[in-house]
């Protein structure tokens, strides 16, 4: 039975994902972003970003070490920069890294849980795209 069928998207079940939070792509695809943070720029590896949340013309970066950074650029700008395979926009104000999704709750209003315990709502219009992307996503585990 496939848990991602169209009929089951509104069921009240929880689907667990891989236990490892480490997602390291082939070194040829590893990306880094230069993020303006206060009076300097910080280099952040894409595999460290758990999620991005937009707030007007600002974007909050949440990193796997617990760091939160506010940047004065829009979420749309970062959506175009980030790898399309690992990141998906689940809401008008949120982009998540699929490598950090712990659970996906399939219910009337889709919701997912990240490794930091944060629960993010998925908009109805973006739910099917999220399901398609998480189904095709294959993290590379580090041993």
C-alpha atoms as a PDB file:
ATOM      1  CA  UNK A   1       0.000   0.000   0.000  1.00  0.00           C
ATOM      2  CA  UNK A   2       1.431   3.353  -1.004  1.00  0.00           C
ATOM      3  CA  UNK A   3       0.983   5.963   1.793  1.00  0.00           C
ATOM      4  CA  UNK A   4       1.149   8.791  -0.758  1.00  0.00           C
ATOM      5  CA  UNK A   5      -1.955   7.991  -2.760  1.00  0.00           C
ATOM      6  CA  UNK A   6      -4.279  10.828  -3.606  1.00  0.00           C
ATOM      7  CA  UNK A   7      -7.087   9.216  -1.605  1.00  0.00           C
ATOM      8  CA  UNK A   8      -5.060   9.050   1.605  1.00  0.00           C
ATOM      9  CA  UNK A   9      -3.848  12.657   1.718  1.00  0.00           C
ATOM     10  CA  UNK A  10      -6.733  13.618   4.003  1.00  0.00           C
ATOM     11  CA  UNK A  11      -6.439  10.622   6.351  1.00  0.00           C
ATOM     12  CA  UNK A  12      -5.276  11.137   9.944  1.00  0.00           C
ATOM     13  CA  UNK A  13      -2.023   9.192   9.823  1.00  0.00           C
ATOM     14  CA  UNK A  14       1.576  10.033  10.419  1.00  0.00           C
ATOM     15  CA  UNK A  15       4.298   8.859   8.064  1.00  0.00           C
ATOM     16  CA  UNK A  16       7.833   8.643   9.541  1.00  0.00           C
ATOM     17  CA  UNK A  17      10.861   9.487   7.413  1.00  0.00           C
ATOM     18  CA  UNK A  18      14.502   8.485   7.597  1.00  0.00           C
ATOM     19  CA  UNK A  19      16.177   8.869  11.008  1.00  0.00           C
ATOM     20  CA  UNK A  20      19.339  10.513   9.754  1.00  0.00           C
ATOM     21  CA  UNK A  21      19.327  14.285   9.530  1.00  0.00           C
ATOM     22  CA  UNK A  22      22.554  14.307   7.548  1.00  0.00           C
ATOM     23  CA  UNK A  23      21.944  14.789   3.861  1.00  0.00           C
ATOM     24  CA  UNK A  24      25.097  15.213   1.887  1.00  0.00           C
ATOM     25  CA  UNK A  25      24.850  15.318  -1.861  1.00  0.00           C
ATOM     26  CA  UNK A  26      27.594  14.432  -4.295  1.00  0.00           C
ATOM     27  CA  UNK A  27      30.411  16.937  -3.792  1.00  0.00           C
ATOM     28  CA  UNK A  28      29.828  18.277  -7.298  1.00  0.00           C
ATOM     29  CA  UNK A  29      26.341  19.414  -6.225  1.00  0.00           C
ATOM     30  CA  UNK A  30      27.250  20.750  -2.784  1.00  0.00           C
ATOM     31  CA  UNK A  31      26.351  24.429  -2.653  1.00  0.00           C
ATOM     32  CA  UNK A  32      27.130  27.272  -0.324  1.00  0.00           C
ATOM     33  CA  UNK A  33      25.323  30.554   0.099  1.00  0.00           C
ATOM     34  CA  UNK A  34      26.941  33.827   1.069  1.00  0.00           C
ATOM     35  CA  UNK A  35      24.416  35.351   3.452  1.00  0.00           C
ATOM     36  CA  UNK A  36      24.653  38.982   4.581  1.00  0.00           C
ATOM     37  CA  UNK A  37      24.324  38.827   8.355  1.00  0.00           C
ATOM     38  CA  UNK A  38      24.651  42.072  10.341  1.00  0.00           C
ATOM     39  CA  UNK A  39      27.846  43.846   9.242  1.00  0.00           C
ATOM     40  CA  UNK A  40      29.527  40.824   7.634  1.00  0.00           C
ATOM     41  CA  UNK A  41      28.758  37.963   5.277  1.00  0.00           C
ATOM     42  CA  UNK A  42      28.516  34.364   6.415  1.00  0.00           C
ATOM     43  CA  UNK A  43      29.059  31.321   4.215  1.00  0.00           C
ATOM     44  CA  UNK A  44      26.434  28.658   4.874  1.00  0.00           C
ATOM     45  CA  UNK A  45      26.390  25.226   3.293  1.00  0.00           C
ATOM     46  CA  UNK A  46      22.992  24.391   1.804  1.00  0.00           C
ATOM     47  CA  UNK A  47      22.860  21.103   3.712  1.00  0.00           C
ATOM     48  CA  UNK A  48      22.911  23.072   7.009  1.00  0.00           C
ATOM     49  CA  UNK A  49      19.680  24.947   6.230  1.00  0.00           C
ATOM     50  CA  UNK A  50      16.621  23.371   7.864  1.00  0.00           C
ATOM     51  CA  UNK A  51      14.052  25.916   6.695  1.00  0.00           C
ATOM     52  CA  UNK A  52      13.529  29.461   5.511  1.00  0.00           C
ATOM     53  CA  UNK A  53      10.606  31.633   6.578  1.00  0.00           C
ATOM     54  CA  UNK A  54       9.608  34.806   4.824  1.00  0.00           C
ATOM     55  CA  UNK A  55       8.337  37.891   6.592  1.00  0.00           C
ATOM     56  CA  UNK A  56       7.679  40.711   4.137  1.00  0.00           C
ATOM     57  CA  UNK A  57      10.979  41.718   2.555  1.00  0.00           C
ATOM     58  CA  UNK A  58      12.972  39.666   5.080  1.00  0.00           C
ATOM     59  CA  UNK A  59      13.876  35.987   5.328  1.00  0.00           C
ATOM     60  CA  UNK A  60      14.677  34.021   8.484  1.00  0.00           C
ATOM     61  CA  UNK A  61      17.184  31.190   8.023  1.00  0.00           C
ATOM     62  CA  UNK A  62      16.978  28.332  10.538  1.00  0.00           C
ATOM     63  CA  UNK A  63      20.132  26.196  10.583  1.00  0.00           C
ATOM     64  CA  UNK A  64      20.589  22.680  11.960  1.00  0.00           C
ATOM     65  CA  UNK A  65      22.824  23.953  14.782  1.00  0.00           C
ATOM     66  CA  UNK A  66      19.907  26.080  16.061  1.00  0.00           C
ATOM     67  CA  UNK A  67      21.129  29.382  14.621  1.00  0.00           C
ATOM     68  CA  UNK A  68      18.489  31.799  13.363  1.00  0.00           C
ATOM     69  CA  UNK A  69      19.557  34.517  10.926  1.00  0.00           C
ATOM     70  CA  UNK A  70      17.437  37.406   9.627  1.00  0.00           C
ATOM     71  CA  UNK A  71      18.359  38.559   6.119  1.00  0.00           C
ATOM     72  CA  UNK A  72      16.954  41.539   4.236  1.00  0.00           C
ATOM     73  CA  UNK A  73      16.034  39.646   1.061  1.00  0.00           C
ATOM     74  CA  UNK A  74      12.768  38.096   0.013  1.00  0.00           C
ATOM     75  CA  UNK A  75      11.944  34.406   0.202  1.00  0.00           C
ATOM     76  CA  UNK A  76      11.374  34.356  -3.561  1.00  0.00           C
ATOM     77  CA  UNK A  77      14.996  35.357  -4.184  1.00  0.00           C
ATOM     78  CA  UNK A  78      16.245  32.397  -2.150  1.00  0.00           C
ATOM     79  CA  UNK A  79      13.716  30.035  -3.707  1.00  0.00           C
ATOM     80  CA  UNK A  80      15.355  30.576  -7.097  1.00  0.00           C
ATOM     81  CA  UNK A  81      18.877  30.115  -5.666  1.00  0.00           C
ATOM     82  CA  UNK A  82      18.335  26.890  -3.747  1.00  0.00           C
ATOM     83  CA  UNK A  83      18.605  23.403  -5.158  1.00  0.00           C
ATOM     84  CA  UNK A  84      15.236  22.312  -6.513  1.00  0.00           C
ATOM     85  CA  UNK A  85      15.716  18.724  -5.390  1.00  0.00           C
ATOM     86  CA  UNK A  86      16.319  19.314  -1.684  1.00  0.00           C
ATOM     87  CA  UNK A  87      14.138  22.374  -1.029  1.00  0.00           C
ATOM     88  CA  UNK A  88      10.411  22.785  -1.535  1.00  0.00           C
ATOM     89  CA  UNK A  89       8.106  25.684  -0.831  1.00  0.00           C
ATOM     90  CA  UNK A  90       5.278  24.321   1.315  1.00  0.00           C
ATOM     91  CA  UNK A  91       3.575  27.605   2.099  1.00  0.00           C
ATOM     92  CA  UNK A  92       3.709  31.158   0.826  1.00  0.00           C
ATOM     93  CA  UNK A  93       6.027  32.020   3.701  1.00  0.00           C
ATOM     94  CA  UNK A  94       8.050  28.809   4.185  1.00  0.00           C
ATOM     95  CA  UNK A  95      10.615  26.704   2.308  1.00  0.00           C
ATOM     96  CA  UNK A  96      11.834  23.460   3.911  1.00  0.00           C
ATOM     97  CA  UNK A  97      14.826  21.233   3.290  1.00  0.00           C
ATOM     98  CA  UNK A  98      13.467  17.740   2.589  1.00  0.00           C
ATOM     99  CA  UNK A  99      16.512  16.214   4.268  1.00  0.00           C
ATOM    100  CA  UNK A 100      15.287  17.534   7.631  1.00  0.00           C
ATOM    101  CA  UNK A 101      11.659  16.367   7.442  1.00  0.00           C
ATOM    102  CA  UNK A 102      11.004  13.913  10.267  1.00  0.00           C
ATOM    103  CA  UNK A 103       7.279  13.193   9.726  1.00  0.00           C
ATOM    104  CA  UNK A 104       4.488  14.141   7.408  1.00  0.00           C
ATOM    105  CA  UNK A 105       1.020  14.216   8.929  1.00  0.00           C
ATOM    106  CA  UNK A 106      -1.595  13.441   6.342  1.00  0.00           C
ATOM    107  CA  UNK A 107      -4.823  15.053   7.435  1.00  0.00           C
ATOM    108  CA  UNK A 108      -7.299  17.657   6.220  1.00  0.00           C
ATOM    109  CA  UNK A 109      -4.714  20.422   6.434  1.00  0.00           C
ATOM    110  CA  UNK A 110      -1.339  18.810   5.672  1.00  0.00           C
ATOM    111  CA  UNK A 111       1.407  19.351   8.207  1.00  0.00           C
ATOM    112  CA  UNK A 112       5.000  18.233   8.541  1.00  0.00           C
ATOM    113  CA  UNK A 113       7.419  17.970  11.432  1.00  0.00           C
ATOM    114  CA  UNK A 114      11.081  18.917  11.119  1.00  0.00           C
ATOM    115  CA  UNK A 115      14.017  17.501  13.083  1.00  0.00           C
ATOM    116  CA  UNK A 116      13.977  20.545  15.375  1.00  0.00           C
ATOM    117  CA  UNK A 117      10.411  19.670  16.433  1.00  0.00           C
ATOM    118  CA  UNK A 118       8.852  22.567  14.525  1.00  0.00           C
ATOM    119  CA  UNK A 119       5.535  21.747  12.879  1.00  0.00           C
ATOM    120  CA  UNK A 120       4.881  23.484   9.561  1.00  0.00           C
ATOM    121  CA  UNK A 121       1.512  23.674   7.808  1.00  0.00           C
ATOM    122  CA  UNK A 122       1.400  22.815   4.118  1.00  0.00           C
ATOM    123  CA  UNK A 123      -0.946  24.866   1.971  1.00  0.00           C
ATOM    124  CA  UNK A 124      -3.596  22.895   0.099  1.00  0.00           C
ATOM    125  CA  UNK A 125      -2.342  24.164  -3.243  1.00  0.00           C
ATOM    126  CA  UNK A 126       1.215  23.000  -2.555  1.00  0.00           C
ATOM    127  CA  UNK A 127       0.407  19.668  -0.859  1.00  0.00           C
ATOM    128  CA  UNK A 128       0.525  17.501  -3.983  1.00  0.00           C
ATOM    129  CA  UNK A 129       3.817  19.060  -5.104  1.00  0.00           C
ATOM    130  CA  UNK A 130       5.293  18.353  -1.648  1.00  0.00           C
ATOM    131  CA  UNK A 131       4.134  14.722  -1.761  1.00  0.00           C
ATOM    132  CA  UNK A 132       5.622  14.246  -5.238  1.00  0.00           C
ATOM    133  CA  UNK A 133       8.923  15.789  -4.196  1.00  0.00           C
ATOM    134  CA  UNK A 134       9.258  13.869  -0.903  1.00  0.00           C
ATOM    135  CA  UNK A 135       8.440  10.618  -2.709  1.00  0.00           C
ATOM    136  CA  UNK A 136      11.263  11.220  -5.213  1.00  0.00           C
ATOM    137  CA  UNK A 137      13.733  12.562  -2.632  1.00  0.00           C
ATOM    138  CA  UNK A 138      16.554  10.173  -1.808  1.00  0.00           C
ATOM    139  CA  UNK A 139      18.950  11.426   0.865  1.00  0.00           C
ATOM    140  CA  UNK A 140      22.508  10.169   0.781  1.00  0.00           C
ATOM    141  CA  UNK A 141      23.313   8.910   4.251  1.00  0.00           C
ATOM    142  CA  UNK A 142      26.725   9.394   5.841  1.00  0.00           C
ATOM    143  CA  UNK A 143      28.185   6.360   7.582  1.00  0.00           C
END
